[in-house]
Amino acid sequence: MTLSATAADTGEVKFPALDSSYLTTGDFVGPDHVKRVTSGLSKDQVRLELGNPHFSEGIFNVREWDYVFNFYTGKGNEYVTCQFKVKFDSDNRATSTHWKNPECERYVSPPQIKDAPMTPAVEKALKRRVAFGADGLFAFGKSDLGDLDPAGRSKLDEMANHLQQDAVKLSSVVVTGYTDRIGSEQANLALSQARADTIRDYLIQKGLDAHLVQAYGAGEAKPVVQCPGQKLTPQLVRCLQPNRRMEIEITGEQ
């Protein structure tokens, strides 16, 4: 459940001008990612769900992050653009979230219909997370489409073909890239985002709906293994290999 501002807070919250965002249009984000932004999350955890803020206020030494999101209305390709703010405390932990237009919250948490008649479940919910080792998809430190390994392409082709079967009705496909801790945090975030973008673009080329596929770079977040040492050695690179990965979260009905 997303945090909500109190009525008193709402009057004090100021949003930046929409045209001052570095995005020419808003970013499409899955509603579940916004709902997962809850009290106490660190900035890295918020960034994992929402990406970097969409304005030039900075990342590390600020108490507010601002975003511009697009949400489909359910009427064809029609969508609305919403401004969203996350506030942090002095420990860089999330304390509250705010919508410039309160109506936008209904796209993240639709109102429940009470006393709806019970209907038999005829479709099975699909929620699956597939992990690929980044070393099996890309050359070390690389991220372009031309750097994709043939064996990795084959695995992605197989998954794309399965997701386009008539029996699968997709809601979203979220690609998240992770790196190891070698190198700077900013370089790792950029590399993980570039790899996620490449996988997203490849899946779209293979026929997946571009509106359903999203890409995020999480950099060094959520390491699978911890390895001793700071000096770059072949042993350290091998040890950290599980942290270099791509995760694809698939939701829909089957």
Foldseek 3Di string as FASTA:
>chain_A
DAFEDDPVVLVVDDDDDPVQFPDPAFAEADLVLRVPQYWFDALLSNCQSVNAARHDPDRDPDFKGKGWYWAAPPPPRDIDIWIKMFGADPVRTTDHMYTNDVVVVCSNVPDDDPPDDDDDDPWAKDKDKDKDQVVQAAPVPDAALVRGDPVNLVVLLVVLVVCPDPNWDFQAKEKEWEDAPPDDQVSQQVRRQSNQVRSLVSSVVSPDDNSRYYYGYSYNPPQPDDDDDDDDDPVVCVRRRSRGMMMMITTTID
